[in-house]
Amino acid sequence: MVTDHMPCGGSVNSLAKSFGFNIINGFAIRPDRKPEIFSLKQGNLCESVITKTPGAEVDSIPIWGGTALVPPTSAKILSRLSADYTIYSPLKVDDMDSPQPTRFLILQV
């Protein structure tokens, strides 16, 4: 399952919950608000069958914004946010112009 920032996260949360995931319907943003590159070298992209398929290896994935989620303990983690991310959870998308941050503890599994 792939989703984007609010309101997309909220629209897939029921489906995600059926697999044990909790989608945070908001925005996950780096402190400098720049795009992120999840990479094996940086350690925020995890080795998996997806990254290590012979002939189709993936060493990095660029993103420009998104949402956060809380995975079930049985999930295989593919990428993870660093602790310096802020999760914004406005009531509506337009409130992102003057967001109020919500800090979540990002669990490293």
N, C-alpha and C. Protein backbone atom coordinates (compact mmCIF):
# COMPACT_ATOMS: atom_id res chain seq x y z
N MET A 1 0.85 -1.17 0.00
CA MET A 1 0.00 0.00 0.00
C MET A 1 0.89 1.23 0.00
N VAL A 2 0.54 2.19 -0.82
CA VAL A 2 1.26 3.46 -0.89
C VAL A 2 0.23 4.56 -0.70
N THR A 3 0.60 5.58 0.07
CA THR A 3 -0.29 6.72 0.23
C THR A 3 0.55 7.99 0.29
N ASP A 4 -0.11 9.11 0.23
CA ASP A 4 0.54 10.41 0.27
C ASP A 4 0.08 11.13 1.53
N HIS A 5 0.46 12.40 1.64
CA HIS A 5 0.09 13.18 2.81
C HIS A 5 -1.42 13.42 2.84
N MET A 6 -1.87 14.04 3.90
CA MET A 6 -3.27 14.38 4.09
C MET A 6 -3.85 15.02 2.82
N PRO A 7 -5.02 14.69 2.39
CA PRO A 7 -6.03 13.82 2.97
C PRO A 7 -5.93 12.36 2.54
N CYS A 8 -4.94 12.02 1.74
CA CYS A 8 -4.83 10.65 1.21
C CYS A 8 -4.67 9.61 2.32
N GLY A 9 -3.85 9.93 3.32
CA GLY A 9 -3.64 8.99 4.41
C GLY A 9 -4.94 8.62 5.11
N GLY A 10 -5.78 9.60 5.33
CA GLY A 10 -7.07 9.34 5.98
C GLY A 10 -7.98 8.47 5.14
N SER A 11 -7.86 8.59 3.82
CA SER A 11 -8.74 7.82 2.95
C SER A 11 -8.38 6.34 2.89
N VAL A 12 -7.16 5.97 3.26
CA VAL A 12 -6.76 4.56 3.22
C VAL A 12 -6.60 3.96 4.62
N ASN A 13 -6.90 4.73 5.66
CA ASN A 13 -6.65 4.26 7.01
C ASN A 13 -7.46 3.01 7.37
N SER A 14 -8.70 2.92 6.93
CA SER A 14 -9.50 1.72 7.23
C SER A 14 -8.89 0.48 6.60
N LEU A 15 -8.46 0.60 5.36
CA LEU A 15 -7.80 -0.52 4.69
C LEU A 15 -6.48 -0.85 5.41
N ALA A 16 -5.71 0.18 5.75
CA ALA A 16 -4.43 -0.03 6.43
C ALA A 16 -4.63 -0.73 7.78
N LYS A 17 -5.67 -0.35 8.51
CA LYS A 17 -5.93 -0.97 9.81
C LYS A 17 -6.22 -2.46 9.68
N SER A 18 -6.82 -2.86 8.56
CA SER A 18 -7.09 -4.29 8.37
C SER A 18 -5.79 -5.10 8.26
N PHE A 19 -4.68 -4.42 7.95
CA PHE A 19 -3.37 -5.06 7.91
C PHE A 19 -2.54 -4.74 9.15
N GLY A 20 -3.13 -4.03 10.12
CA GLY A 20 -2.45 -3.72 11.36
C GLY A 20 -1.70 -2.41 11.39
N PHE A 21 -1.82 -1.58 10.34
CA PHE A 21 -1.13 -0.30 10.27
C PHE A 21 -2.05 0.83 10.70
N ASN A 22 -1.48 1.86 11.31
CA ASN A 22 -2.24 3.07 11.65
C ASN A 22 -1.61 4.22 10.88
N ILE A 23 -2.33 4.75 9.91
CA ILE A 23 -1.86 5.87 9.11
C ILE A 23 -2.14 7.16 9.88
N ILE A 24 -1.13 8.01 10.01
CA ILE A 24 -1.31 9.32 10.65
C ILE A 24 -1.71 10.28 9.54
N ASN A 25 -2.96 10.72 9.55
CA ASN A 25 -3.48 11.57 8.49
C ASN A 25 -2.96 12.99 8.66
N GLY A 26 -1.80 13.24 8.13
CA GLY A 26 -1.17 14.54 8.26
C GLY A 26 -0.01 14.68 7.29
N PHE A 27 1.03 15.36 7.73
CA PHE A 27 2.20 15.64 6.91
C PHE A 27 3.45 15.30 7.72
N ALA A 28 4.36 14.55 7.14
CA ALA A 28 5.66 14.27 7.75
C ALA A 28 6.67 15.15 7.02
N ILE A 29 7.34 16.04 7.77
CA ILE A 29 8.18 17.05 7.13
C ILE A 29 9.55 17.12 7.81
N ARG A 30 10.59 17.17 6.98
CA ARG A 30 11.95 17.39 7.50
C ARG A 30 12.06 18.80 8.06
N PRO A 31 12.98 19.03 8.98
CA PRO A 31 13.14 20.37 9.55
C PRO A 31 13.46 21.44 8.50
N ASP A 32 14.21 21.07 7.46
CA ASP A 32 14.56 22.05 6.42
C ASP A 32 13.55 22.07 5.27
N ARG A 33 12.51 21.25 5.37
CA ARG A 33 11.43 21.15 4.38
C ARG A 33 11.91 20.78 2.98
N LYS A 34 13.09 20.19 2.87
CA LYS A 34 13.61 19.75 1.59
C LYS A 34 13.15 18.32 1.32
N PRO A 35 13.26 17.90 0.05
CA PRO A 35 12.95 16.49 -0.26
C PRO A 35 13.88 15.56 0.50
N GLU A 36 13.44 14.34 0.66
CA GLU A 36 14.23 13.33 1.37
C GLU A 36 14.69 12.28 0.37
N ILE A 37 15.85 11.73 0.62
CA ILE A 37 16.30 10.57 -0.14
C ILE A 37 16.53 9.46 0.87
N PHE A 38 15.65 8.47 0.83
CA PHE A 38 15.85 7.30 1.66
C PHE A 38 16.90 6.46 0.96
N SER A 39 17.97 6.10 1.67
CA SER A 39 19.03 5.33 1.03
C SER A 39 19.62 4.31 2.00
N LEU A 40 20.15 3.24 1.41
CA LEU A 40 20.84 2.22 2.21
C LEU A 40 22.04 2.84 2.91
N LYS A 41 22.76 3.73 2.21
CA LYS A 41 23.96 4.35 2.77
C LYS A 41 23.63 5.19 4.01
N GLN A 42 22.52 5.95 3.96
CA GLN A 42 22.13 6.78 5.11
C GLN A 42 21.50 5.96 6.23
N GLY A 43 21.04 4.75 5.90
CA GLY A 43 20.44 3.89 6.91
C GLY A 43 18.95 4.10 7.11
N ASN A 44 18.34 4.98 6.32
CA ASN A 44 16.89 5.19 6.45
C ASN A 44 16.09 4.39 5.42
N LEU A 45 16.79 3.64 4.56
CA LEU A 45 16.18 2.64 3.68
C LEU A 45 16.76 1.31 4.12
N CYS A 46 15.91 0.35 4.39
CA CYS A 46 16.35 -0.92 4.96
C CYS A 46 16.53 -1.97 3.88
N GLU A 47 17.50 -2.85 4.09
CA GLU A 47 17.69 -3.96 3.17
C GLU A 47 16.47 -4.87 3.23
N SER A 48 16.03 -5.31 2.06
CA SER A 48 14.86 -6.18 1.96
C SER A 48 14.90 -6.87 0.60
N VAL A 49 13.95 -7.73 0.36
CA VAL A 49 13.84 -8.37 -0.95
C VAL A 49 13.61 -7.31 -2.03
N ILE A 50 13.01 -6.20 -1.68
CA ILE A 50 12.77 -5.12 -2.65
C ILE A 50 14.08 -4.43 -3.03
N THR A 51 14.93 -4.17 -2.06
CA THR A 51 16.18 -3.46 -2.36
C THR A 51 17.26 -4.38 -2.89
N LYS A 52 17.16 -5.68 -2.64
CA LYS A 52 18.23 -6.61 -2.99
C LYS A 52 17.85 -7.63 -4.07
N THR A 53 16.82 -7.39 -4.86
CA THR A 53 16.45 -8.31 -5.93
C THR A 53 17.54 -8.28 -7.01
N PRO A 54 18.18 -9.41 -7.30
CA PRO A 54 19.26 -9.44 -8.29
C PRO A 54 18.82 -8.85 -9.64
N GLY A 55 19.62 -7.94 -10.15
CA GLY A 55 19.33 -7.29 -11.42
C GLY A 55 18.39 -6.11 -11.31
N ALA A 56 17.78 -5.91 -10.15
CA ALA A 56 16.85 -4.80 -9.96
C ALA A 56 17.06 -4.16 -8.59
N GLU A 57 18.32 -4.09 -8.14
CA GLU A 57 18.63 -3.54 -6.82
C GLU A 57 18.19 -2.08 -6.72
N VAL A 58 17.77 -1.70 -5.54
CA VAL A 58 17.38 -0.32 -5.26
C VAL A 58 18.26 0.17 -4.12
N ASP A 59 19.00 1.28 -4.35
CA ASP A 59 19.84 1.81 -3.28
C ASP A 59 19.32 3.10 -2.69
N SER A 60 18.33 3.72 -3.37
CA SER A 60 17.77 4.96 -2.83
C SER A 60 16.39 5.21 -3.44
N ILE A 61 15.58 5.95 -2.68
CA ILE A 61 14.23 6.34 -3.11
C ILE A 61 14.03 7.80 -2.72
N PRO A 62 13.84 8.71 -3.70
CA PRO A 62 13.58 10.11 -3.36
C PRO A 62 12.09 10.32 -3.07
N ILE A 63 11.79 11.18 -2.12
CA ILE A 63 10.40 11.56 -1.84
C ILE A 63 10.35 13.07 -1.64
N TRP A 64 9.17 13.64 -1.80
CA TRP A 64 8.99 15.08 -1.68
C TRP A 64 8.01 15.45 -0.59
N GLY A 65 7.53 14.51 0.12
CA GLY A 65 6.57 14.77 1.18
C GLY A 65 5.73 13.53 1.37
N GLY A 66 5.06 13.47 2.47
CA GLY A 66 4.23 12.30 2.71
C GLY A 66 3.63 12.33 4.09
N THR A 67 3.26 11.17 4.55
CA THR A 67 2.66 11.03 5.86
C THR A 67 3.46 10.00 6.63
N ALA A 68 3.10 9.79 7.86
CA ALA A 68 3.76 8.80 8.69
C ALA A 68 2.75 7.72 9.05
N LEU A 69 3.27 6.61 9.52
CA LEU A 69 2.39 5.53 9.94
C LEU A 69 3.03 4.79 11.09
N VAL A 70 2.19 4.08 11.80
CA VAL A 70 2.66 3.22 12.88
C VAL A 70 2.43 1.79 12.40
N PRO A 71 3.51 1.02 12.20
CA PRO A 71 3.36 -0.34 11.70
C PRO A 71 3.08 -1.34 12.82
N PRO A 72 2.51 -2.49 12.46
CA PRO A 72 2.40 -3.54 13.47
C PRO A 72 3.79 -4.12 13.75
N THR A 73 3.97 -4.77 14.87
CA THR A 73 5.28 -5.30 15.23
C THR A 73 5.77 -6.36 14.24
N SER A 74 4.86 -6.98 13.52
CA SER A 74 5.24 -8.02 12.56
C SER A 74 5.66 -7.46 11.20
N ALA A 75 5.54 -6.16 10.99
CA ALA A 75 5.83 -5.56 9.68
C ALA A 75 7.32 -5.59 9.37
N LYS A 76 7.64 -5.75 8.11
CA LYS A 76 9.01 -5.63 7.63
C LYS A 76 9.18 -4.17 7.22
N ILE A 77 10.05 -3.43 7.91
CA ILE A 77 10.22 -2.00 7.69
C ILE A 77 11.09 -1.78 6.45
N LEU A 78 10.60 -0.94 5.52
CA LEU A 78 11.35 -0.63 4.31
C LEU A 78 12.08 0.70 4.41
N SER A 79 11.48 1.66 5.08
CA SER A 79 12.12 2.96 5.28
C SER A 79 11.64 3.53 6.60
N ARG A 80 12.43 4.44 7.15
CA ARG A 80 12.04 5.01 8.44
C ARG A 80 12.40 6.49 8.49
N LEU A 81 11.57 7.23 9.20
CA LEU A 81 11.82 8.66 9.40
C LEU A 81 12.80 8.83 10.55
N SER A 82 13.66 9.82 10.44
CA SER A 82 14.56 10.12 11.55
C SER A 82 13.79 10.90 12.62
N ALA A 83 14.35 10.97 13.80
CA ALA A 83 13.68 11.60 14.94
C ALA A 83 13.51 13.11 14.76
N ASP A 84 14.21 13.73 13.80
CA ASP A 84 14.08 15.17 13.63
C ASP A 84 12.89 15.57 12.75
N TYR A 85 12.15 14.60 12.23
CA TYR A 85 10.94 14.92 11.48
C TYR A 85 9.87 15.46 12.40
N THR A 86 9.02 16.30 11.87
CA THR A 86 7.84 16.77 12.59
C THR A 86 6.62 16.24 11.84
N ILE A 87 5.66 15.75 12.60
CA ILE A 87 4.41 15.27 12.03
C ILE A 87 3.37 16.35 12.30
N TYR A 88 2.81 16.89 11.24
CA TYR A 88 1.74 17.89 11.36
C TYR A 88 0.42 17.19 11.12
N SER A 89 -0.54 17.45 11.97
CA SER A 89 -1.86 16.85 11.81
C SER A 89 -2.95 17.92 11.88
N PRO A 90 -3.04 18.74 10.82
CA PRO A 90 -4.07 19.79 10.80
C PRO A 90 -5.45 19.18 10.60
N LEU A 91 -6.47 19.96 10.90
CA LEU A 91 -7.84 19.49 10.71
C LEU A 91 -8.23 19.44 9.23
N LYS A 92 -7.63 20.32 8.43
CA LYS A 92 -7.88 20.30 6.98
C LYS A 92 -6.60 20.71 6.27
N VAL A 93 -6.48 20.32 5.00
CA VAL A 93 -5.27 20.56 4.23
C VAL A 93 -4.88 22.03 4.22
N ASP A 94 -5.85 22.92 4.09
CA ASP A 94 -5.55 24.36 4.03
C ASP A 94 -4.86 24.88 5.28
N ASP A 95 -5.03 24.19 6.41
CA ASP A 95 -4.37 24.61 7.65
C ASP A 95 -2.87 24.37 7.62
N MET A 96 -2.37 23.71 6.59
CA MET A 96 -0.94 23.45 6.49
C MET A 96 -0.16 24.74 6.27
N ASP A 97 -0.84 25.81 5.82
CA ASP A 97 -0.17 27.10 5.63
C ASP A 97 0.32 27.67 6.96
N SER A 98 -0.33 27.33 8.05
CA SER A 98 0.12 27.76 9.38
C SER A 98 -0.02 26.56 10.33
N PRO A 99 0.83 25.55 10.12
CA PRO A 99 0.66 24.29 10.86
C PRO A 99 1.03 24.38 12.33
N GLN A 100 0.35 23.57 13.09
CA GLN A 100 0.70 23.36 14.49
C GLN A 100 1.29 21.96 14.58
N PRO A 101 2.56 21.85 14.94
CA PRO A 101 3.19 20.52 14.95
C PRO A 101 2.66 19.62 16.05
N THR A 102 2.65 18.36 15.75
CA THR A 102 2.36 17.33 16.73
C THR A 102 3.58 16.44 16.75
N ARG A 103 4.24 16.31 17.88
CA ARG A 103 5.43 15.48 17.95
C ARG A 103 5.01 14.06 18.33
N PHE A 104 5.46 13.13 17.54
CA PHE A 104 5.23 11.71 17.82
C PHE A 104 6.58 11.07 18.10
N LEU A 105 6.59 10.09 18.91
CA LEU A 105 7.79 9.30 19.11
C LEU A 105 7.88 8.35 17.91
N ILE A 106 8.92 8.48 17.12
CA ILE A 106 9.11 7.60 15.98
C ILE A 106 9.88 6.39 16.48
N LEU A 107 9.25 5.25 16.46
CA LEU A 107 9.86 4.03 16.97
C LEU A 107 10.77 3.43 15.91
N GLN A 108 11.97 3.11 16.29
CA GLN A 108 12.91 2.43 15.41
C GLN A 108 12.78 0.95 15.68
N VAL A 109 12.35 0.20 14.66
CA VAL A 109 12.14 -1.25 14.83
C VAL A 109 13.27 -2.00 14.18
